Amino acid sequence: MKRIILFAMICFACMTSFGQKYAYINSEYILSNMSEYKEAQAELNRLAVMWQKEIEAKFSAIDSMYKRYQVEAITMPEQIKISREEAIIAEERAAKDLQKKRFGQDGDLFKKREELVKPIQDRVISTVNDYAKEKGYAFVFDAAGDMTIIYADPKWDINAQILQKLGVSVNDDLDD
C-alpha cells in the first residue's frame, strides 16, 4: 500500500512539473531602467517635498502662535484665553487634516502615485504576461519586494527580454 501511494505521489509530481517552465523578473530593476518611471518618481518626490514644506510651515506658524499665547496669557482675560486656545487648536487640527489629505492612505500623494506610476507598472505587467504566454512559461516570479527566492538560475532571468519588449535599452550584459 505504501508503495502504491509513493508511486502515485511521484507520478503526480512528475506530471505536474513536466513541461512547465518558470522564469523570474526583478520589477524594481525593470522599473529603475525606465525613463518614464524615473520621471514619475522625480515628480512624486518634488510634490512630496513641496507638500512637506507646506505642512511644516503650518506647524511652525502654530508653534509661534502658541509661544506668543504663553507670553501673553498671564495678562489676558479668561474669555480671550479661551478663544486663543480654541484658535490654536483649530489651526493644529487644520494642519493635521492637511497632512492627512496630502500623505494619508488615500491622500494626494497616493492618488498622484496611482496616476503616474500605475500605468507604467500595468504596462510592465502586461508585457510580462504577453512574453510569458509567448514563451510558454507556467509561472513568472518577481524577485523584488517581499518574495524570497533563495536561488534562481540566471538562465530563467527574463529582465532583459522584458526591457527589450518595453523598448528600454540597458548597457548591462544580461544573457537572453
N, C-alpha and C. Protein backbone atom coordinates (compact mmCIF):
# COMPACT_ATOMS: atom_id res chain seq x y z
N MET A 1 0.82 -1.20 0.00
CA MET A 1 0.00 0.00 0.00
C MET A 1 0.87 1.26 0.00
N LYS A 2 1.91 1.26 0.84
CA LYS A 2 2.80 2.42 0.90
C LYS A 2 3.48 2.64 -0.44
N ARG A 3 3.85 1.53 -1.11
CA ARG A 3 4.50 1.66 -2.41
C ARG A 3 3.56 2.28 -3.44
N ILE A 4 2.29 1.91 -3.39
CA ILE A 4 1.32 2.45 -4.34
C ILE A 4 1.14 3.95 -4.11
N ILE A 5 1.02 4.36 -2.85
CA ILE A 5 0.86 5.78 -2.53
C ILE A 5 2.11 6.55 -2.95
N LEU A 6 3.30 6.01 -2.64
CA LEU A 6 4.55 6.67 -3.01
C LEU A 6 4.66 6.77 -4.53
N PHE A 7 4.32 5.70 -5.24
CA PHE A 7 4.37 5.70 -6.70
C PHE A 7 3.39 6.73 -7.26
N ALA A 8 2.19 6.81 -6.70
CA ALA A 8 1.20 7.78 -7.15
C ALA A 8 1.68 9.20 -6.92
N MET A 9 2.30 9.45 -5.77
CA MET A 9 2.82 10.79 -5.48
C MET A 9 3.93 11.16 -6.45
N ILE A 10 4.82 10.23 -6.75
CA ILE A 10 5.91 10.50 -7.69
C ILE A 10 5.35 10.77 -9.08
N CYS A 11 4.38 9.97 -9.50
CA CYS A 11 3.76 10.17 -10.81
C CYS A 11 3.07 11.54 -10.87
N PHE A 12 2.36 11.90 -9.82
CA PHE A 12 1.67 13.20 -9.77
C PHE A 12 2.68 14.34 -9.86
N ALA A 13 3.77 14.23 -9.11
CA ALA A 13 4.80 15.26 -9.12
C ALA A 13 5.42 15.37 -10.51
N CYS A 14 5.66 14.26 -11.14
CA CYS A 14 6.25 14.28 -12.49
C CYS A 14 5.29 14.89 -13.49
N MET A 15 4.02 14.53 -13.40
CA MET A 15 3.03 15.05 -14.35
C MET A 15 2.84 16.55 -14.19
N THR A 16 2.81 17.02 -12.95
CA THR A 16 2.55 18.44 -12.74
C THR A 16 3.75 19.29 -13.09
N SER A 17 4.96 18.75 -12.94
CA SER A 17 6.13 19.57 -13.25
C SER A 17 6.63 19.35 -14.66
N PHE A 18 6.16 18.31 -15.33
CA PHE A 18 6.60 18.01 -16.68
C PHE A 18 6.14 19.11 -17.64
N GLY A 19 7.09 19.68 -18.34
CA GLY A 19 6.77 20.66 -19.36
C GLY A 19 6.52 22.06 -18.86
N GLN A 20 6.49 22.27 -17.58
CA GLN A 20 6.26 23.62 -17.09
C GLN A 20 7.58 24.37 -17.04
N LYS A 21 7.53 25.62 -17.52
CA LYS A 21 8.71 26.47 -17.49
C LYS A 21 8.48 27.60 -16.50
N TYR A 22 9.53 27.96 -15.84
CA TYR A 22 9.47 29.02 -14.84
C TYR A 22 10.48 30.09 -15.21
N ALA A 23 10.19 31.31 -14.84
CA ALA A 23 11.11 32.42 -15.05
C ALA A 23 10.91 33.41 -13.91
N TYR A 24 11.82 34.35 -13.83
CA TYR A 24 11.66 35.39 -12.83
C TYR A 24 12.10 36.73 -13.38
N ILE A 25 11.56 37.76 -12.79
CA ILE A 25 11.95 39.13 -13.10
C ILE A 25 12.26 39.83 -11.79
N ASN A 26 12.84 40.99 -11.89
CA ASN A 26 13.00 41.89 -10.75
C ASN A 26 12.33 43.19 -11.17
N SER A 27 11.10 43.38 -10.73
CA SER A 27 10.33 44.55 -11.18
C SER A 27 11.01 45.86 -10.79
N GLU A 28 11.69 45.89 -9.67
CA GLU A 28 12.41 47.12 -9.28
C GLU A 28 13.51 47.44 -10.27
N TYR A 29 14.22 46.41 -10.72
CA TYR A 29 15.28 46.59 -11.71
C TYR A 29 14.70 47.08 -13.03
N ILE A 30 13.62 46.46 -13.45
CA ILE A 30 13.00 46.86 -14.72
C ILE A 30 12.52 48.30 -14.64
N LEU A 31 11.78 48.63 -13.59
CA LEU A 31 11.26 49.99 -13.45
C LEU A 31 12.38 51.02 -13.34
N SER A 32 13.44 50.68 -12.62
CA SER A 32 14.55 51.64 -12.44
C SER A 32 15.29 51.92 -13.74
N ASN A 33 15.08 51.10 -14.75
CA ASN A 33 15.72 51.31 -16.05
C ASN A 33 14.78 52.00 -17.05
N MET A 34 13.60 52.35 -16.61
CA MET A 34 12.63 53.00 -17.49
C MET A 34 12.62 54.50 -17.20
N SER A 35 12.91 55.29 -18.23
CA SER A 35 12.99 56.75 -18.03
C SER A 35 11.66 57.34 -17.56
N GLU A 36 10.53 56.84 -18.07
CA GLU A 36 9.25 57.41 -17.63
C GLU A 36 8.97 57.12 -16.16
N TYR A 37 9.48 55.99 -15.65
CA TYR A 37 9.32 55.68 -14.23
C TYR A 37 10.19 56.63 -13.41
N LYS A 38 11.41 56.86 -13.86
CA LYS A 38 12.30 57.80 -13.16
C LYS A 38 11.68 59.19 -13.13
N GLU A 39 11.08 59.61 -14.24
CA GLU A 39 10.44 60.92 -14.30
C GLU A 39 9.24 60.98 -13.35
N ALA A 40 8.46 59.92 -13.30
CA ALA A 40 7.30 59.87 -12.40
C ALA A 40 7.77 59.94 -10.95
N GLN A 41 8.82 59.19 -10.61
CA GLN A 41 9.35 59.21 -9.25
C GLN A 41 9.88 60.60 -8.90
N ALA A 42 10.55 61.25 -9.84
CA ALA A 42 11.06 62.61 -9.59
C ALA A 42 9.91 63.58 -9.33
N GLU A 43 8.83 63.45 -10.09
CA GLU A 43 7.67 64.31 -9.88
C GLU A 43 7.03 64.05 -8.53
N LEU A 44 6.92 62.78 -8.15
CA LEU A 44 6.36 62.44 -6.83
C LEU A 44 7.23 62.99 -5.71
N ASN A 45 8.54 62.87 -5.86
CA ASN A 45 9.46 63.41 -4.85
C ASN A 45 9.34 64.92 -4.75
N ARG A 46 9.21 65.60 -5.90
CA ARG A 46 9.08 67.06 -5.90
C ARG A 46 7.80 67.47 -5.17
N LEU A 47 6.70 66.78 -5.47
CA LEU A 47 5.43 67.09 -4.80
C LEU A 47 5.50 66.80 -3.31
N ALA A 48 6.11 65.68 -2.93
CA ALA A 48 6.22 65.33 -1.52
C ALA A 48 7.00 66.39 -0.75
N VAL A 49 8.10 66.86 -1.34
CA VAL A 49 8.91 67.89 -0.67
C VAL A 49 8.12 69.19 -0.55
N MET A 50 7.44 69.56 -1.63
CA MET A 50 6.65 70.81 -1.61
C MET A 50 5.55 70.73 -0.55
N TRP A 51 4.82 69.61 -0.52
CA TRP A 51 3.74 69.46 0.44
C TRP A 51 4.27 69.36 1.87
N GLN A 52 5.41 68.72 2.05
CA GLN A 52 6.00 68.63 3.38
C GLN A 52 6.39 70.01 3.89
N LYS A 53 6.95 70.85 3.02
CA LYS A 53 7.31 72.22 3.40
C LYS A 53 6.06 73.01 3.77
N GLU A 54 4.98 72.82 3.02
CA GLU A 54 3.72 73.49 3.30
C GLU A 54 3.21 73.11 4.71
N ILE A 55 3.28 71.84 5.03
CA ILE A 55 2.81 71.36 6.34
C ILE A 55 3.73 71.85 7.45
N GLU A 56 5.03 71.79 7.22
CA GLU A 56 5.98 72.28 8.22
C GLU A 56 5.77 73.77 8.50
N ALA A 57 5.47 74.55 7.46
CA ALA A 57 5.21 75.98 7.64
C ALA A 57 3.98 76.19 8.52
N LYS A 58 2.95 75.38 8.30
CA LYS A 58 1.74 75.50 9.13
C LYS A 58 2.04 75.16 10.59
N PHE A 59 2.78 74.08 10.83
CA PHE A 59 3.12 73.72 12.21
C PHE A 59 4.04 74.76 12.85
N SER A 60 4.91 75.35 12.06
CA SER A 60 5.78 76.41 12.58
C SER A 60 4.95 77.63 12.98
N ALA A 61 3.96 77.97 12.17
CA ALA A 61 3.08 79.10 12.50
C ALA A 61 2.28 78.80 13.77
N ILE A 62 1.84 77.57 13.91
CA ILE A 62 1.09 77.17 15.12
C ILE A 62 2.00 77.27 16.33
N ASP A 63 3.23 76.84 16.20
CA ASP A 63 4.19 76.93 17.30
C ASP A 63 4.41 78.39 17.71
N SER A 64 4.51 79.26 16.72
CA SER A 64 4.66 80.70 17.02
C SER A 64 3.43 81.25 17.74
N MET A 65 2.24 80.84 17.27
CA MET A 65 1.00 81.27 17.92
C MET A 65 0.99 80.83 19.38
N TYR A 66 1.40 79.58 19.62
CA TYR A 66 1.37 79.04 20.98
C TYR A 66 2.37 79.76 21.88
N LYS A 67 3.56 80.02 21.38
CA LYS A 67 4.58 80.72 22.18
C LYS A 67 4.12 82.13 22.51
N ARG A 68 3.52 82.82 21.53
CA ARG A 68 3.01 84.16 21.78
C ARG A 68 1.87 84.11 22.80
N TYR A 69 1.02 83.11 22.70
CA TYR A 69 -0.07 82.93 23.65
C TYR A 69 0.48 82.72 25.06
N GLN A 70 1.52 81.87 25.21
CA GLN A 70 2.09 81.62 26.53
C GLN A 70 2.62 82.90 27.17
N VAL A 71 3.24 83.76 26.35
CA VAL A 71 3.78 85.01 26.88
C VAL A 71 2.65 85.96 27.30
N GLU A 72 1.62 86.03 26.48
CA GLU A 72 0.55 86.99 26.72
C GLU A 72 -0.55 86.47 27.64
N ALA A 73 -0.60 85.16 27.88
CA ALA A 73 -1.69 84.55 28.65
C ALA A 73 -1.77 85.09 30.07
N ILE A 74 -0.66 85.50 30.62
CA ILE A 74 -0.63 85.98 32.01
C ILE A 74 -1.53 87.20 32.19
N THR A 75 -1.55 88.07 31.20
CA THR A 75 -2.30 89.32 31.33
C THR A 75 -3.65 89.30 30.60
N MET A 76 -3.99 88.18 30.00
CA MET A 76 -5.24 88.09 29.22
C MET A 76 -6.44 87.80 30.10
N PRO A 77 -7.59 88.37 29.74
CA PRO A 77 -8.83 87.97 30.39
C PRO A 77 -9.17 86.53 30.00
N GLU A 78 -9.90 85.85 30.84
CA GLU A 78 -10.19 84.42 30.64
C GLU A 78 -10.88 84.15 29.30
N GLN A 79 -11.82 84.99 28.91
CA GLN A 79 -12.55 84.78 27.66
C GLN A 79 -11.60 84.84 26.45
N ILE A 80 -10.65 85.74 26.45
CA ILE A 80 -9.69 85.85 25.33
C ILE A 80 -8.76 84.65 25.33
N LYS A 81 -8.35 84.18 26.54
CA LYS A 81 -7.52 82.99 26.63
C LYS A 81 -8.21 81.80 25.96
N ILE A 82 -9.46 81.63 26.29
CA ILE A 82 -10.23 80.51 25.74
C ILE A 82 -10.33 80.62 24.22
N SER A 83 -10.61 81.80 23.71
CA SER A 83 -10.74 81.96 22.26
C SER A 83 -9.40 81.75 21.55
N ARG A 84 -8.29 82.18 22.16
CA ARG A 84 -6.96 81.96 21.55
C ARG A 84 -6.60 80.48 21.58
N GLU A 85 -6.92 79.82 22.70
CA GLU A 85 -6.66 78.37 22.79
C GLU A 85 -7.44 77.63 21.72
N GLU A 86 -8.70 78.00 21.54
CA GLU A 86 -9.53 77.37 20.52
C GLU A 86 -8.97 77.63 19.12
N ALA A 87 -8.47 78.83 18.90
CA ALA A 87 -7.89 79.17 17.59
C ALA A 87 -6.64 78.33 17.33
N ILE A 88 -5.81 78.16 18.35
CA ILE A 88 -4.59 77.34 18.21
C ILE A 88 -4.97 75.88 17.93
N ILE A 89 -5.94 75.39 18.67
CA ILE A 89 -6.39 74.00 18.48
C ILE A 89 -6.98 73.83 17.08
N ALA A 90 -7.74 74.80 16.62
CA ALA A 90 -8.34 74.73 15.27
C ALA A 90 -7.24 74.73 14.20
N GLU A 91 -6.24 75.57 14.38
CA GLU A 91 -5.13 75.61 13.41
C GLU A 91 -4.36 74.30 13.40
N GLU A 92 -4.15 73.73 14.59
CA GLU A 92 -3.44 72.46 14.68
C GLU A 92 -4.25 71.34 14.00
N ARG A 93 -5.53 71.35 14.23
CA ARG A 93 -6.42 70.35 13.60
C ARG A 93 -6.38 70.51 12.07
N ALA A 94 -6.40 71.75 11.61
CA ALA A 94 -6.36 72.01 10.16
C ALA A 94 -5.03 71.53 9.57
N ALA A 95 -3.93 71.75 10.29
CA ALA A 95 -2.63 71.30 9.81
C ALA A 95 -2.57 69.77 9.75
N LYS A 96 -3.11 69.12 10.77
CA LYS A 96 -3.13 67.65 10.77
C LYS A 96 -4.03 67.11 9.66
N ASP A 97 -5.15 67.79 9.42
CA ASP A 97 -6.03 67.39 8.33
C ASP A 97 -5.34 67.55 6.97
N LEU A 98 -4.59 68.64 6.82
CA LEU A 98 -3.84 68.85 5.59
C LEU A 98 -2.78 67.76 5.41
N GLN A 99 -2.11 67.42 6.51
CA GLN A 99 -1.10 66.36 6.46
C GLN A 99 -1.74 65.04 6.03
N LYS A 100 -2.90 64.74 6.58
CA LYS A 100 -3.61 63.51 6.21
C LYS A 100 -4.08 63.58 4.75
N LYS A 101 -4.55 64.76 4.34
CA LYS A 101 -5.02 64.94 2.96
C LYS A 101 -3.87 64.74 1.96
N ARG A 102 -2.70 65.20 2.31
CA ARG A 102 -1.54 65.09 1.40
C ARG A 102 -0.90 63.71 1.45
N PHE A 103 -0.70 63.18 2.67
CA PHE A 103 0.11 61.98 2.83
C PHE A 103 -0.65 60.78 3.39
N GLY A 104 -1.94 60.90 3.61
CA GLY A 104 -2.73 59.81 4.17
C GLY A 104 -2.88 58.65 3.21
N GLN A 105 -3.56 57.62 3.69
CA GLN A 105 -3.74 56.39 2.92
C GLN A 105 -4.34 56.65 1.54
N ASP A 106 -5.32 57.50 1.44
CA ASP A 106 -5.92 57.86 0.15
C ASP A 106 -5.66 59.32 -0.17
N GLY A 107 -4.52 59.82 0.28
CA GLY A 107 -4.19 61.23 0.12
C GLY A 107 -3.72 61.59 -1.28
N ASP A 108 -3.38 62.86 -1.42
CA ASP A 108 -2.96 63.39 -2.70
C ASP A 108 -1.72 62.67 -3.27
N LEU A 109 -0.76 62.35 -2.41
CA LEU A 109 0.44 61.67 -2.89
C LEU A 109 0.10 60.27 -3.40
N PHE A 110 -0.76 59.56 -2.68
CA PHE A 110 -1.20 58.23 -3.11
C PHE A 110 -1.91 58.32 -4.46
N LYS A 111 -2.80 59.30 -4.60
CA LYS A 111 -3.54 59.46 -5.85
C LYS A 111 -2.60 59.83 -7.00
N LYS A 112 -1.64 60.68 -6.72
CA LYS A 112 -0.69 61.08 -7.76
C LYS A 112 0.18 59.89 -8.16
N ARG A 113 0.56 59.07 -7.18
CA ARG A 113 1.35 57.87 -7.48
C ARG A 113 0.54 56.93 -8.37
N GLU A 114 -0.75 56.77 -8.05
CA GLU A 114 -1.64 55.95 -8.88
C GLU A 114 -1.70 56.50 -10.30
N GLU A 115 -1.79 57.81 -10.40
CA GLU A 115 -1.91 58.46 -11.71
C GLU A 115 -0.63 58.32 -12.53
N LEU A 116 0.51 58.48 -11.88
CA LEU A 116 1.78 58.49 -12.62
C LEU A 116 2.43 57.12 -12.76
N VAL A 117 2.42 56.32 -11.70
CA VAL A 117 3.20 55.08 -11.68
C VAL A 117 2.38 53.86 -12.12
N LYS A 118 1.12 53.81 -11.74
CA LYS A 118 0.31 52.62 -12.04
C LYS A 118 0.27 52.29 -13.54
N PRO A 119 0.09 53.28 -14.43
CA PRO A 119 0.09 52.93 -15.86
C PRO A 119 1.43 52.30 -16.32
N ILE A 120 2.52 52.74 -15.74
CA ILE A 120 3.83 52.18 -16.08
C ILE A 120 3.92 50.76 -15.57
N GLN A 121 3.50 50.54 -14.33
CA GLN A 121 3.51 49.19 -13.76
C GLN A 121 2.57 48.27 -14.54
N ASP A 122 1.42 48.78 -14.92
CA ASP A 122 0.48 47.97 -15.70
C ASP A 122 1.08 47.58 -17.05
N ARG A 123 1.82 48.51 -17.65
CA ARG A 123 2.49 48.21 -18.93
C ARG A 123 3.53 47.11 -18.76
N VAL A 124 4.29 47.16 -17.66
CA VAL A 124 5.29 46.13 -17.39
C VAL A 124 4.60 44.78 -17.18
N ILE A 125 3.55 44.77 -16.39
CA ILE A 125 2.83 43.52 -16.12
C ILE A 125 2.25 42.94 -17.41
N SER A 126 1.66 43.79 -18.22
CA SER A 126 1.11 43.34 -19.49
C SER A 126 2.19 42.77 -20.39
N THR A 127 3.34 43.42 -20.43
CA THR A 127 4.46 42.93 -21.23
C THR A 127 4.96 41.60 -20.72
N VAL A 128 5.07 41.47 -19.40
CA VAL A 128 5.49 40.19 -18.81
C VAL A 128 4.48 39.10 -19.15
N ASN A 129 3.19 39.40 -19.03
CA ASN A 129 2.16 38.42 -19.35
C ASN A 129 2.25 37.98 -20.81
N ASP A 130 2.38 38.95 -21.71
CA ASP A 130 2.49 38.62 -23.14
C ASP A 130 3.73 37.77 -23.41
N TYR A 131 4.86 38.17 -22.82
CA TYR A 131 6.10 37.43 -23.02
C TYR A 131 6.01 36.01 -22.46
N ALA A 132 5.40 35.88 -21.29
CA ALA A 132 5.26 34.57 -20.66
C ALA A 132 4.39 33.65 -21.52
N LYS A 133 3.31 34.20 -22.06
CA LYS A 133 2.45 33.40 -22.93
C LYS A 133 3.19 33.01 -24.20
N GLU A 134 3.92 33.97 -24.77
CA GLU A 134 4.68 33.74 -26.00
C GLU A 134 5.73 32.64 -25.81
N LYS A 135 6.39 32.63 -24.67
CA LYS A 135 7.46 31.67 -24.39
C LYS A 135 6.98 30.41 -23.67
N GLY A 136 5.72 30.38 -23.28
CA GLY A 136 5.17 29.19 -22.65
C GLY A 136 5.57 29.00 -21.19
N TYR A 137 5.77 30.08 -20.46
CA TYR A 137 6.10 29.97 -19.04
C TYR A 137 4.84 29.69 -18.24
N ALA A 138 4.95 28.75 -17.33
CA ALA A 138 3.83 28.45 -16.44
C ALA A 138 3.75 29.49 -15.33
N PHE A 139 4.92 29.93 -14.85
CA PHE A 139 4.99 30.91 -13.77
C PHE A 139 6.12 31.89 -14.05
N VAL A 140 5.88 33.14 -13.71
CA VAL A 140 6.94 34.15 -13.70
C VAL A 140 6.90 34.78 -12.32
N PHE A 141 7.98 34.65 -11.60
CA PHE A 141 8.07 35.18 -10.24
C PHE A 141 8.74 36.54 -10.27
N ASP A 142 8.39 37.38 -9.30
CA ASP A 142 9.04 38.68 -9.14
C ASP A 142 9.99 38.57 -7.95
N ALA A 143 11.27 38.72 -8.21
CA ALA A 143 12.29 38.60 -7.16
C ALA A 143 12.39 39.86 -6.31
N ALA A 144 11.70 40.92 -6.68
CA ALA A 144 11.74 42.16 -5.91
C ALA A 144 10.74 42.08 -4.76
N GLY A 145 10.94 42.91 -3.78
CA GLY A 145 9.96 43.04 -2.70
C GLY A 145 10.04 41.93 -1.68
N ASP A 146 8.86 41.50 -1.21
CA ASP A 146 8.77 40.55 -0.11
C ASP A 146 9.03 39.11 -0.50
N MET A 147 8.91 38.80 -1.77
CA MET A 147 9.10 37.41 -2.18
C MET A 147 10.56 37.02 -2.02
N THR A 148 10.80 35.91 -1.39
CA THR A 148 12.16 35.46 -1.17
C THR A 148 12.45 34.30 -2.10
N ILE A 149 13.46 34.49 -2.92
CA ILE A 149 13.94 33.40 -3.76
C ILE A 149 15.35 33.08 -3.26
N ILE A 150 15.53 31.90 -2.76
CA ILE A 150 16.82 31.51 -2.21
C ILE A 150 17.85 31.32 -3.32
N TYR A 151 17.44 30.72 -4.39
CA TYR A 151 18.33 30.51 -5.52
C TYR A 151 17.53 30.67 -6.80
N ALA A 152 18.13 31.29 -7.77
CA ALA A 152 17.50 31.42 -9.08
C ALA A 152 18.58 31.25 -10.14
N ASP A 153 18.38 30.30 -11.00
CA ASP A 153 19.32 30.07 -12.09
C ASP A 153 19.19 31.25 -13.07
N PRO A 154 20.29 31.90 -13.38
CA PRO A 154 20.23 33.06 -14.28
C PRO A 154 19.61 32.77 -15.65
N LYS A 155 19.60 31.50 -16.06
CA LYS A 155 19.02 31.21 -17.38
C LYS A 155 17.51 31.48 -17.40
N TRP A 156 16.87 31.57 -16.23
CA TRP A 156 15.44 31.85 -16.17
C TRP A 156 15.13 33.33 -15.91
N ASP A 157 16.16 34.17 -15.86
CA ASP A 157 16.01 35.61 -15.66
C ASP A 157 15.59 36.23 -16.99
N ILE A 158 14.41 36.81 -17.03
CA ILE A 158 13.91 37.39 -18.28
C ILE A 158 13.82 38.92 -18.20
N ASN A 159 14.56 39.54 -17.28
CA ASN A 159 14.54 41.00 -17.17
C ASN A 159 14.92 41.67 -18.49
N ALA A 160 16.01 41.21 -19.11
CA ALA A 160 16.49 41.84 -20.34
C ALA A 160 15.45 41.75 -21.46
N GLN A 161 14.79 40.61 -21.56
CA GLN A 161 13.79 40.44 -22.60
C GLN A 161 12.59 41.36 -22.38
N ILE A 162 12.19 41.51 -21.13
CA ILE A 162 11.06 42.39 -20.81
C ILE A 162 11.44 43.83 -21.12
N LEU A 163 12.63 44.25 -20.71
CA LEU A 163 13.08 45.61 -21.01
C LEU A 163 13.14 45.83 -22.52
N GLN A 164 13.61 44.83 -23.25
CA GLN A 164 13.68 44.94 -24.71
C GLN A 164 12.27 45.11 -25.30
N LYS A 165 11.31 44.31 -24.83
CA LYS A 165 9.94 44.41 -25.32
C LYS A 165 9.31 45.76 -24.95
N LEU A 166 9.76 46.35 -23.83
CA LEU A 166 9.28 47.66 -23.42
C LEU A 166 9.98 48.78 -24.20
N GLY A 167 10.99 48.42 -24.98
CA GLY A 167 11.73 49.42 -25.75
C GLY A 167 12.78 50.15 -24.94
N VAL A 168 13.24 49.53 -23.86
CA VAL A 168 14.24 50.14 -22.99
C VAL A 168 15.58 49.48 -23.25
N SER A 169 16.59 50.28 -23.54
CA SER A 169 17.91 49.69 -23.74
C SER A 169 18.73 49.86 -22.47
N VAL A 170 19.43 48.79 -22.11
CA VAL A 170 20.26 48.77 -20.92
C VAL A 170 21.64 48.33 -21.33
N ASN A 171 22.66 48.89 -20.71
CA ASN A 171 24.03 48.55 -21.06
C ASN A 171 24.58 47.36 -20.31
N ASP A 172 23.75 46.71 -19.49
CA ASP A 172 24.22 45.51 -18.77
C ASP A 172 24.43 44.38 -19.76
N ASP A 173 25.24 43.43 -19.39
CA ASP A 173 25.48 42.26 -20.21
C ASP A 173 24.62 41.11 -19.74
N LEU A 174 23.31 41.23 -19.88
CA LEU A 174 22.40 40.15 -19.49
C LEU A 174 22.20 39.23 -20.67
N ASP A 175 22.23 37.94 -20.40
CA ASP A 175 22.02 36.95 -21.45
C ASP A 175 20.54 36.79 -21.73
N ASP A 176 20.23 36.39 -22.96
CA ASP A 176 18.83 36.10 -23.33
C ASP A 176 18.42 34.76 -22.84
